[in-house]
Protein backbone atom coordinates (compact mmCIF):
# COMPACT_ATOMS: atom_id res chain seq x y z
CA MET A 1 -78.36 32.71 63.73
CA GLN A 2 -77.31 30.15 65.62
CA LEU A 3 -73.29 29.03 65.43
CA PRO A 4 -72.53 25.41 65.68
CA ILE A 5 -72.87 23.98 69.20
CA LYS A 6 -68.68 23.31 68.59
CA ALA A 7 -68.22 27.06 68.33
CA HIS A 8 -70.15 27.28 71.79
CA TYR A 9 -67.61 24.80 73.68
CA ALA A 10 -64.85 26.35 71.77
CA THR A 11 -65.40 29.74 73.24
CA ILE A 12 -66.21 28.32 77.17
CA ALA A 13 -62.49 26.56 76.90
CA VAL A 14 -60.97 30.17 75.54
CA LEU A 15 -62.57 31.95 78.31
CA ALA A 16 -61.62 29.42 80.96
CA LEU A 17 -57.86 30.07 79.85
CA ALA A 18 -58.36 33.13 79.21
CA SER A 19 -59.37 33.99 83.10
CA ARG A 20 -56.16 32.06 84.05
CA TYR A 21 -54.07 34.06 81.50
CA ASP A 22 -52.66 36.42 83.91
CA ALA A 23 -51.55 34.11 86.35
CA GLY A 24 -50.20 32.05 83.80
CA GLU A 25 -51.78 29.10 85.11
CA LEU A 26 -52.11 26.00 83.17
CA VAL A 27 -55.75 24.29 82.75
CA GLN A 28 -55.80 20.55 82.49
CA ALA A 29 -59.14 19.93 79.65
CA ARG A 30 -60.81 17.36 82.48
CA VAL A 31 -60.75 20.57 84.50
CA ILE A 32 -62.63 22.85 82.09
CA ALA A 33 -65.36 19.61 81.35
CA ALA A 34 -65.78 19.28 84.70
CA ASP A 35 -66.12 23.13 85.56
CA HIS A 36 -68.29 23.97 82.26
CA ALA A 37 -70.40 20.54 81.51
CA VAL A 38 -68.28 20.29 78.06
CA PRO A 39 -68.27 16.61 77.40
CA SER A 40 -64.74 15.96 77.78
CA GLN A 41 -64.28 13.66 74.22
CA PHE A 42 -65.87 16.76 72.28
CA LEU A 43 -63.43 18.79 74.35
CA GLY A 44 -60.04 17.00 73.27
CA GLN A 45 -61.24 17.37 69.70
CA ILE A 46 -61.98 21.22 69.99
CA LEU A 47 -58.67 22.13 72.18
CA GLN A 48 -56.64 20.08 69.40
CA GLN A 49 -58.24 22.69 66.56
CA LEU A 50 -57.47 25.34 68.60
CA ARG A 51 -53.75 24.60 69.17
CA ASN A 52 -53.49 23.92 65.26
CA ALA A 53 -55.02 26.87 65.08
CA GLY A 54 -52.38 28.81 67.05
CA LEU A 55 -54.88 30.45 69.66
CA ILE A 56 -53.66 27.56 72.67
CA VAL A 57 -50.67 25.74 73.34
CA SER A 58 -49.79 22.57 75.75
CA VAL A 59 -47.68 21.42 78.01
CA ARG A 60 -47.56 17.41 78.63
CA GLY A 61 -47.15 15.60 81.90
CA SER A 62 -48.66 15.42 85.02
CA SER A 63 -48.95 18.81 85.79
CA GLY A 64 -48.94 19.92 82.17
CA GLY A 65 -52.75 21.34 80.35
CA PHE A 66 -53.43 24.16 78.41
CA ARG A 67 -53.03 28.35 77.94
CA LEU A 68 -53.45 30.62 75.51
CA ALA A 69 -50.75 31.22 72.67
CA LYS A 70 -51.03 34.72 73.07
CA SER A 71 -53.04 37.69 74.95
CA PRO A 72 -56.76 38.18 75.55
CA ASP A 73 -56.64 41.22 73.95
CA SER A 74 -55.60 39.60 70.83
CA ILE A 75 -57.88 36.98 70.35
CA SER A 76 -61.29 37.23 68.84
CA VAL A 77 -64.15 34.98 69.28
CA ALA A 78 -64.29 35.22 65.35
CA ASP A 79 -60.83 33.42 65.61
CA VAL A 80 -62.16 30.87 67.83
CA VAL A 81 -65.06 30.09 65.55
CA GLU A 82 -63.28 29.68 62.52
CA ALA A 83 -60.79 27.75 63.99
CA VAL A 84 -63.27 25.00 64.92
CA CYS A 85 -66.28 25.66 62.26
CA SER A 86 -65.20 24.55 58.38
CA SER A 87 -65.22 27.59 56.31
CA ALA A 88 -67.65 25.84 54.26
CA SER A 89 -70.28 28.24 53.58
CA SER A 90 -74.15 27.82 54.35
CA GLU A 91 -74.68 29.82 51.10
CA ASN A 92 -74.88 28.75 47.43
CA SER A 93 -71.36 29.25 45.68
CA LEU A 94 -72.86 29.19 42.09
CA PRO A 95 -74.19 32.15 40.54
CA SER A 96 -77.74 31.68 39.91
CA HIS A 97 -79.77 33.43 37.44
CA ASP A 98 -83.34 33.14 39.03
CA PRO A 99 -83.52 36.67 40.75
CA ILE A 100 -85.47 34.87 44.19
CA THR A 101 -82.71 32.93 44.55
CA ARG A 102 -79.76 35.31 43.62
CA VAL A 103 -81.57 37.81 46.41
CA VAL A 104 -82.13 35.42 49.02
CA GLY A 105 -78.56 34.32 48.59
CA GLY A 106 -77.49 38.16 49.00
CA VAL A 107 -79.72 38.33 52.35
CA TRP A 108 -77.49 35.23 53.75
CA HIS A 109 -74.24 36.12 52.90
CA GLU A 110 -74.92 39.67 54.14
CA LEU A 111 -75.92 37.89 57.49
CA ASN A 112 -73.29 36.05 57.48
CA GLU A 113 -71.31 39.06 56.44
CA THR A 114 -72.59 41.16 59.53
CA GLN A 115 -72.07 38.07 62.34
CA LEU A 116 -68.28 37.78 61.44
CA ARG A 117 -67.75 41.69 61.88
CA TYR A 118 -69.48 41.67 65.32
CA LEU A 119 -67.39 38.50 66.43
CA GLU A 120 -64.21 40.04 65.47
CA GLN A 121 -65.08 43.07 67.61
CA LEU A 122 -65.54 40.90 70.61
CA LYS A 123 -61.99 40.01 71.97
CA LEU A 124 -61.59 37.83 74.58
CA SER A 125 -60.10 39.97 77.08
CA SER A 126 -63.32 41.94 77.26
CA LEU A 127 -65.43 38.95 77.90
CA VAL A 128 -63.29 38.37 80.50
CA GLN A 129 -64.13 41.28 82.13
CA GLN A 130 -67.82 40.72 81.75
CA MET A 131 -67.16 38.07 83.85
CA SER A 132 -66.28 39.72 87.02
CA PRO A 133 -68.52 40.56 89.29
CA GLU A 134 -70.04 43.65 89.74
CA PRO A 135 -69.34 45.97 92.70
CA ALA A 136 -71.59 46.23 95.31
CA ALA A 137 -73.84 49.08 95.17
CA MET A 138 -73.29 51.71 97.92
CA PHE A 139 -76.31 53.35 99.94
CA PHE A 140 -75.88 56.41 101.72
CA ILE A 141 -78.12 58.07 104.12
């Protein structure tokens, strides 16, 4: 099941910030937009939502920008998705007496729960590690 594009862009934005977390660097929105092909108007809305959720902080001014509010070890992809996607579920919340509707609703509910559990386990720090270049292979003769 595919998440909204907003979740995709939000994850890109927080990973851009997470990759610079240890250096304590502020990253400007226009840099994130340019480096990662995220539409700047859309990114502004996403960054606002991430800030409102307490995942990032912003600093105003010419040398301002954004940074993570806490360690990449403590932020999951689920945190990011929940910050930018409405919590409205696609499943029908009304009880159904129709067995087919009830069974299909159960399938979608379980899929959503499985997806959420997976995203909760994915920490930004592990994704940043995956971005590191692989060490060159050693050949011995």
